[in-house]
Amino acid sequence: MLLIALFLAAAAPVQTQADMNRSAGASYVQADAAMTAQWQRTYAHMKSLDAQDGSRGGGFGYAAALLASQRAWLKFRDTQCVIQGGEFAGGSAQSMLVAQCRSQLTRARTQQLKTLIWNH
């Protein structure tokens, strides 16, 4: 069993740091595209909720609150990931860590946005 594991490890392609940086960057681009698509759906839903509720002089303000939340979240994500990337400040792995952080937080935000589409 150990021999098989060693063989598989030896057969795995070696990645350079530049390859890992590109891969992390591509993962982030994919996560960001998914979040943007979900954002558009959730924002449209919130605007629809506002339009349905005239009881408060124009609705609750779901869309405005979501927009403010998203803007604050983007600032948090980018700042948080700069901090996390700082572990390797100036090194070749720094951009990879920043991209990985952005990917992880962006995927989590996408899930949060999904939960805001309420089916009453």
Protein backbone atom coordinates (compact mmCIF):
# COMPACT_ATOMS: atom_id res chain seq x y z
CA MET A 1 0.00 0.00 0.00
CA LEU A 2 2.82 2.39 0.87
CA LEU A 3 4.50 1.54 -2.41
CA ILE A 4 1.34 2.48 -4.34
CA ALA A 5 1.09 5.79 -2.47
CA LEU A 6 4.73 6.58 -3.20
CA PHE A 7 4.24 5.72 -6.87
CA LEU A 8 1.17 7.94 -7.14
CA ALA A 9 2.95 10.81 -5.40
CA ALA A 10 5.90 10.46 -7.73
CA ALA A 11 3.60 10.37 -10.77
CA ALA A 12 1.78 13.56 -9.77
CA PRO A 13 2.80 16.53 -11.86
CA VAL A 14 4.97 19.04 -10.05
CA GLN A 15 3.46 22.50 -9.90
CA THR A 16 5.49 25.65 -9.77
CA GLN A 17 4.45 28.53 -7.54
CA ALA A 18 3.40 30.41 -10.67
CA ASP A 19 1.13 27.47 -11.60
CA MET A 20 -0.39 27.46 -8.11
CA ASN A 21 -0.89 31.24 -8.25
CA ARG A 22 -2.69 30.94 -11.61
CA SER A 23 -4.85 28.10 -10.32
CA ALA A 24 -5.82 30.05 -7.22
CA GLY A 25 -6.59 33.09 -9.35
CA ALA A 26 -8.79 31.05 -11.69
CA SER A 27 -10.63 29.57 -8.72
CA TYR A 28 -11.33 33.06 -7.42
CA VAL A 29 -12.61 34.26 -10.81
CA GLN A 30 -14.99 31.30 -10.89
CA ALA A 31 -16.19 31.92 -7.31
CA ASP A 32 -16.67 35.62 -8.03
CA ALA A 33 -18.73 34.90 -11.16
CA ALA A 34 -20.99 32.55 -9.18
CA MET A 35 -21.42 35.15 -6.45
CA THR A 36 -22.22 37.88 -8.98
CA ALA A 37 -24.92 35.71 -10.55
CA GLN A 38 -26.38 34.93 -7.12
CA TRP A 39 -26.16 38.60 -6.14
CA GLN A 40 -28.26 39.55 -9.16
CA ARG A 41 -30.93 36.97 -8.26
CA THR A 42 -31.00 37.96 -4.59
CA TYR A 43 -31.03 41.69 -5.32
CA ALA A 44 -33.92 41.25 -7.77
CA HIS A 45 -35.77 39.28 -5.09
CA MET A 46 -35.24 42.05 -2.54
CA LYS A 47 -36.43 44.68 -5.00
CA SER A 48 -39.51 42.57 -5.60
CA LEU A 49 -40.19 42.35 -1.87
CA ASP A 50 -39.88 46.12 -1.57
CA ALA A 51 -42.29 46.61 -4.47
CA GLN A 52 -44.87 44.32 -2.85
CA ASP A 53 -44.82 46.17 0.48
CA GLY A 54 -46.31 49.63 0.38
CA SER A 55 -47.21 49.65 4.07
CA ARG A 56 -44.09 51.48 5.16
CA GLY A 57 -44.08 54.26 2.61
CA GLY A 58 -42.24 52.35 -0.08
CA GLY A 59 -41.38 49.09 1.55
CA PHE A 60 -38.98 47.83 4.13
CA GLY A 61 -35.88 48.76 2.18
CA TYR A 62 -34.60 45.24 1.59
CA ALA A 63 -32.75 46.13 -1.61
CA ALA A 64 -31.00 49.15 -0.08
CA ALA A 65 -30.02 47.14 2.97
CA LEU A 66 -28.67 44.32 0.80
CA LEU A 67 -26.68 46.76 -1.32
CA ALA A 68 -25.13 48.34 1.79
CA SER A 69 -24.40 44.87 3.18
CA GLN A 70 -22.72 43.76 -0.04
CA ARG A 71 -20.56 46.86 -0.23
CA ALA A 72 -19.45 46.39 3.38
CA TRP A 73 -18.84 42.69 2.80
CA LEU A 74 -16.65 43.35 -0.26
CA LYS A 75 -14.53 45.75 1.77
CA PHE A 76 -14.28 43.18 4.59
CA ARG A 77 -13.33 40.37 2.20
CA ASP A 78 -10.62 42.30 0.44
CA THR A 79 -9.14 43.67 3.67
CA GLN A 80 -9.29 40.30 5.43
CA CYS A 81 -7.52 38.62 2.54
CA VAL A 82 -4.75 41.22 2.49
CA ILE A 83 -4.19 40.40 6.16
CA GLN A 84 -4.14 36.66 5.48
CA GLY A 85 -1.79 37.09 2.53
CA GLY A 86 0.51 39.09 4.78
CA GLU A 87 1.78 35.85 6.27
CA PHE A 88 3.97 35.60 3.17
CA ALA A 89 4.30 39.34 2.44
CA GLY A 90 6.69 39.92 -0.42
CA GLY A 91 6.95 36.22 -1.17
CA SER A 92 5.84 34.31 -4.22
CA ALA A 93 3.01 32.60 -2.31
CA GLN A 94 1.37 35.85 -1.17
CA SER A 95 -0.88 36.27 -4.21
CA MET A 96 -1.93 32.63 -3.99
CA LEU A 97 -2.97 33.03 -0.36
CA VAL A 98 -4.93 36.19 -1.15
CA ALA A 99 -6.74 34.48 -4.03
CA GLN A 100 -7.49 31.39 -1.93
CA CYS A 101 -8.88 33.58 0.84
CA ARG A 102 -11.04 35.51 -1.62
CA SER A 103 -12.31 32.27 -3.13
CA GLN A 104 -13.22 30.81 0.26
CA LEU A 105 -14.97 33.93 1.54
CA THR A 106 -16.72 34.52 -1.79
CA ARG A 107 -18.13 30.99 -1.84
CA ALA A 108 -19.42 31.50 1.70
CA ARG A 109 -21.01 34.81 0.70
CA THR A 110 -22.70 33.15 -2.26
CA GLN A 111 -24.33 30.73 0.15
CA GLN A 112 -25.41 33.61 2.40
CA LEU A 113 -26.99 35.38 -0.56
CA LYS A 114 -28.87 32.21 -1.48
CA THR A 115 -30.42 32.03 1.99
CA LEU A 116 -31.84 35.53 1.55
CA ILE A 117 -34.29 34.41 -1.11
CA TRP A 118 -37.22 33.66 1.14
CA ASN A 119 -40.12 31.59 -0.04
CA HIS A 120 -43.03 32.88 2.05
